[in-house]
Amino acid sequence: FDENGDLDTTAISDFCGSDNGYVVTWYDQSTNGNDASQSTGTAQPQIYNGTAVLTENGKPFLKFRGGNGGNEGLSMGSAVTCETIFSVVANDTAGFLAYYLFTTGSNLGFYSGGTFGVSPNGPGVLAGASIGSISGTVTGQTLLYNDHNGTGWDVGQDGGTASQAIATTSKSINQIVRPSTNLQTEKFQECIIWSTDNSSNRSGIETNINDYYSIY
């Protein structure tokens, strides 16, 4: 990081030069050490294009390139219980928004495009219902929220929220995955995961994130 606490894009540019740059490890910024890594080169997300660090709205992002049979992503060393998640993601063009945080057989997915919710089953098997203001396609940058409320999941986008009586248990995850090659999330900027309920702090957390990224 640089002196302002931002990603040191100059150091990345100096390291990569005229080559593309890809992320092997996305380091956990908490003290828990839940780093997410990918050793397979073709499945690593891109961060540098041979000229500059990739940015969305002026902030760096990881580009999930697709074309890897649903295997592109980053894996943590051990599973993490999820109760509250905030993430900043983006698409280049209007389309469905979907990505998954999962362990085998216990998948937590985000999806919008007629529905917006979580998937209790796994990639390609989506559950939910239309939620008015936060349903439909997504283009550009967006802030997503998901919280396990004890009986289901509250889902939100850019400050909006609605309750979903699906995926009624909390989930343990160890991967961040772009599950297929089309109509899926391309850009990942931030992912914050709590193993405890942080719904009471949602407003402050979203304000902090939005102040930095200027999403809405």
Protein backbone atom coordinates (compact mmCIF):
# COMPACT_ATOMS: atom_id res chain seq x y z
CA PHE A 1 0.00 0.00 0.00
CA ASP A 2 1.06 3.62 -0.48
CA GLU A 3 1.27 6.37 2.15
CA ASN A 4 -2.49 7.02 1.84
CA GLY A 5 -3.43 3.39 2.48
CA ASP A 6 -4.42 2.81 -1.16
CA LEU A 7 -3.13 -0.02 -3.32
CA ASP A 8 0.37 0.90 -4.53
CA THR A 9 -0.36 0.90 -8.25
CA THR A 10 3.09 2.34 -9.04
CA ALA A 11 4.76 -0.70 -7.48
CA ILE A 12 2.53 -3.02 -9.51
CA SER A 13 3.33 -1.11 -12.72
CA ASP A 14 7.08 -1.23 -11.97
CA PHE A 15 6.88 -4.97 -11.33
CA CYS A 16 4.78 -5.90 -14.38
CA GLY A 17 6.22 -3.46 -16.93
CA SER A 18 4.74 -4.24 -20.35
CA ASP A 19 3.37 -7.64 -19.30
CA ASN A 20 -0.11 -8.45 -18.05
CA GLY A 21 -0.36 -8.93 -14.29
CA TYR A 22 -2.45 -11.49 -12.43
CA VAL A 23 -3.25 -12.05 -8.76
CA VAL A 24 -1.90 -15.16 -7.08
CA THR A 25 -3.03 -14.16 -3.58
CA TRP A 26 -5.61 -11.66 -2.33
CA TYR A 27 -4.43 -11.02 1.22
CA ASP A 28 -6.85 -10.85 4.13
CA GLN A 29 -6.57 -7.37 5.67
CA SER A 30 -7.90 -8.55 9.04
CA THR A 31 -5.80 -10.46 11.57
CA ASN A 32 -7.46 -13.77 10.69
CA GLY A 33 -5.12 -14.76 7.86
CA ASN A 34 -7.89 -15.93 5.51
CA ASP A 35 -5.90 -15.19 2.36
CA ALA A 36 -7.44 -16.30 -0.95
CA SER A 37 -5.06 -17.76 -3.54
CA GLN A 38 -4.95 -19.37 -6.98
CA SER A 39 -1.89 -21.31 -8.21
CA THR A 40 -3.25 -22.05 -11.72
CA GLY A 41 -2.22 -19.21 -14.03
CA THR A 42 -5.20 -19.42 -16.40
CA ALA A 43 -7.63 -19.19 -13.46
CA GLN A 44 -6.03 -16.15 -11.79
CA PRO A 45 -7.88 -12.81 -11.97
CA GLN A 46 -6.14 -10.01 -13.85
CA ILE A 47 -5.12 -6.72 -12.22
CA TYR A 48 -2.75 -5.12 -14.79
CA ASN A 49 -3.10 -4.87 -18.57
CA GLY A 50 0.48 -4.24 -19.64
CA THR A 51 0.08 -0.48 -19.33
CA ALA A 52 -1.80 0.29 -16.12
CA VAL A 53 -3.60 -1.23 -13.15
CA LEU A 54 -7.24 -1.98 -14.05
CA THR A 55 -9.64 0.50 -12.45
CA GLU A 56 -13.38 1.06 -12.15
CA ASN A 57 -14.50 4.53 -11.07
CA GLY A 58 -10.88 5.32 -10.27
CA LYS A 59 -10.29 2.33 -7.95
CA PRO A 60 -8.43 -0.93 -8.78
CA PHE A 61 -10.31 -4.14 -9.46
CA LEU A 62 -9.64 -7.82 -10.08
CA LYS A 63 -10.95 -8.97 -13.46
CA PHE A 64 -12.41 -12.47 -13.51
CA ARG A 65 -11.77 -13.35 -17.14
CA GLY A 66 -14.02 -16.41 -17.62
CA GLY A 67 -13.45 -19.25 -20.04
CA ASN A 68 -12.15 -21.65 -17.43
CA GLY A 69 -15.12 -23.94 -17.09
CA GLY A 70 -16.39 -22.27 -13.96
CA ASN A 71 -13.10 -22.80 -12.14
CA GLU A 72 -11.77 -19.25 -12.15
CA GLY A 73 -11.46 -17.88 -8.66
CA LEU A 74 -9.53 -17.67 -5.43
CA SER A 75 -9.52 -20.21 -2.61
CA MET A 76 -8.93 -19.73 1.10
CA GLY A 77 -7.01 -22.26 3.14
CA SER A 78 -9.95 -23.03 5.39
CA ALA A 79 -13.68 -22.41 5.35
CA VAL A 80 -15.09 -19.26 6.94
CA THR A 81 -18.58 -19.06 8.43
CA CYS A 82 -20.58 -16.26 6.79
CA GLU A 83 -23.24 -14.24 8.58
CA THR A 84 -22.73 -10.83 6.92
CA ILE A 85 -21.06 -9.96 3.62
CA PHE A 86 -20.44 -6.66 1.85
CA SER A 87 -18.89 -6.64 -1.61
CA VAL A 88 -18.14 -4.14 -4.37
CA VAL A 89 -18.43 -5.59 -7.88
CA ALA A 90 -19.05 -4.33 -11.42
CA ASN A 91 -19.94 -5.36 -14.97
CA ASP A 92 -18.88 -3.59 -18.18
CA THR A 93 -22.28 -4.00 -19.82
CA ALA A 94 -25.81 -4.35 -18.51
CA GLY A 95 -26.46 -7.98 -17.73
CA PHE A 96 -27.08 -10.48 -15.01
CA LEU A 97 -24.89 -10.17 -11.96
CA ALA A 98 -23.78 -13.37 -10.31
CA TYR A 99 -20.88 -14.69 -8.36
CA TYR A 100 -20.48 -17.30 -5.71
CA LEU A 101 -18.76 -17.67 -2.38
CA PHE A 102 -18.82 -21.35 -1.62
CA THR A 103 -17.60 -24.65 -0.37
CA THR A 104 -18.57 -27.87 -2.11
CA GLY A 105 -22.21 -28.61 -1.39
CA SER A 106 -22.74 -25.41 0.60
CA ASN A 107 -22.94 -22.49 -1.78
CA LEU A 108 -23.85 -18.89 -1.17
CA GLY A 109 -24.58 -16.98 -4.37
CA PHE A 110 -25.67 -13.51 -5.38
CA TYR A 111 -27.85 -13.06 -8.43
CA SER A 112 -29.86 -10.28 -10.04
CA GLY A 113 -31.82 -10.18 -13.27
CA GLY A 114 -35.47 -10.84 -12.46
CA THR A 115 -34.44 -12.26 -9.10
CA PHE A 116 -31.96 -11.19 -6.49
CA GLY A 117 -31.07 -13.54 -3.72
CA VAL A 118 -28.94 -16.36 -2.49
CA SER A 119 -28.60 -19.86 -3.83
CA PRO A 120 -28.78 -22.69 -1.30
CA ASN A 121 -27.81 -25.24 -3.92
CA GLY A 122 -24.90 -24.06 -6.01
CA PRO A 123 -23.81 -22.50 -9.29
CA GLY A 124 -26.60 -22.53 -11.85
CA VAL A 125 -29.31 -23.33 -9.30
CA LEU A 126 -30.64 -19.97 -8.13
CA ALA A 127 -33.40 -19.26 -5.66
CA GLY A 128 -35.16 -16.02 -4.86
CA ALA A 129 -37.94 -13.70 -5.91
CA SER A 130 -38.29 -10.35 -7.62
CA ILE A 131 -37.54 -7.50 -5.20
CA GLY A 132 -38.61 -4.41 -7.13
CA SER A 133 -35.93 -1.76 -6.86
CA ILE A 134 -33.04 -4.18 -6.54
CA SER A 135 -34.07 -6.63 -9.25
CA GLY A 136 -33.07 -6.46 -12.90
CA THR A 137 -29.79 -6.13 -14.71
CA VAL A 138 -26.71 -4.37 -13.42
CA THR A 139 -24.13 -2.31 -15.23
CA GLY A 140 -21.17 -0.51 -13.69
CA GLN A 141 -20.26 -0.51 -10.03
CA THR A 142 -22.57 -1.74 -7.27
CA LEU A 143 -22.44 -2.44 -3.53
CA LEU A 144 -24.02 -5.73 -2.48
CA TYR A 145 -25.12 -6.70 1.02
CA ASN A 146 -26.15 -10.08 2.40
CA ASP A 147 -26.96 -10.90 6.01
CA HIS A 148 -28.23 -14.06 7.66
CA ASN A 149 -31.16 -12.91 9.83
CA GLY A 150 -31.78 -16.19 11.65
CA THR A 151 -34.64 -17.42 9.46
CA GLY A 152 -33.38 -16.43 6.01
CA TRP A 153 -31.20 -13.90 4.28
CA ASP A 154 -31.55 -10.15 3.88
CA VAL A 155 -30.16 -9.04 0.53
CA GLY A 156 -29.44 -5.52 -0.57
CA GLN A 157 -27.97 -3.45 -3.37
CA ASP A 158 -26.79 0.17 -3.07
CA GLY A 159 -28.70 0.71 0.17
CA GLY A 160 -31.93 -1.10 -0.80
CA THR A 161 -32.96 -4.25 1.05
CA ALA A 162 -35.55 -6.98 1.24
CA SER A 163 -35.84 -10.24 3.16
CA GLN A 164 -35.60 -13.63 1.48
CA ALA A 165 -36.85 -16.77 3.21
CA ILE A 166 -34.32 -18.98 1.46
CA ALA A 167 -30.97 -20.54 2.33
CA THR A 168 -32.10 -20.48 5.95
CA THR A 169 -28.77 -21.44 7.52
CA SER A 170 -25.51 -19.59 7.66
CA LYS A 171 -22.87 -20.75 5.20
CA SER A 172 -19.24 -21.74 5.45
CA ILE A 173 -17.20 -20.62 2.44
CA ASN A 174 -13.66 -21.01 1.19
CA GLN A 175 -13.81 -19.78 -2.42
CA ILE A 176 -14.64 -16.67 -4.47
CA VAL A 177 -15.68 -17.89 -7.92
CA ARG A 178 -16.96 -16.58 -11.23
CA PRO A 179 -19.01 -19.63 -12.16
CA SER A 180 -19.38 -19.38 -15.94
CA THR A 181 -18.33 -17.51 -19.05
CA ASN A 182 -21.28 -15.23 -19.78
CA LEU A 183 -23.58 -12.84 -17.93
CA GLN A 184 -21.48 -13.07 -14.80
CA THR A 185 -19.61 -10.63 -12.61
CA GLU A 186 -16.39 -9.49 -14.26
CA LYS A 187 -14.88 -7.15 -11.67
CA PHE A 188 -14.26 -7.55 -7.95
CA GLN A 189 -13.08 -4.60 -5.85
CA GLU A 190 -13.85 -5.51 -2.26
CA CYS A 191 -15.26 -8.38 -0.21
CA ILE A 192 -15.77 -8.13 3.55
CA ILE A 193 -17.00 -11.20 5.41
CA TRP A 194 -18.15 -11.44 9.03
CA SER A 195 -18.79 -14.69 10.90
CA THR A 196 -21.18 -12.75 13.17
CA ASP A 197 -24.32 -10.71 12.46
CA ASN A 198 -23.39 -7.11 11.53
CA SER A 199 -26.81 -5.99 10.33
CA SER A 200 -27.00 -3.36 13.10
CA ASN A 201 -23.85 -1.76 11.67
CA ARG A 202 -24.97 -1.88 8.07
CA SER A 203 -25.56 1.84 7.59
CA GLY A 204 -22.14 2.83 8.91
CA ILE A 205 -20.34 0.12 6.95
CA GLU A 206 -22.08 1.04 3.69
CA THR A 207 -21.37 4.73 4.26
CA ASN A 208 -17.69 3.95 4.80
CA ILE A 209 -17.51 1.84 1.64
CA ASN A 210 -19.48 4.34 -0.43
CA ASP A 211 -17.36 7.27 0.76
CA TYR A 212 -14.30 5.48 -0.66
CA TYR A 213 -15.75 4.09 -3.89
CA SER A 214 -18.41 6.77 -4.67
CA ILE A 215 -20.88 4.16 -5.91
CA TYR A 216 -24.23 5.85 -5.33
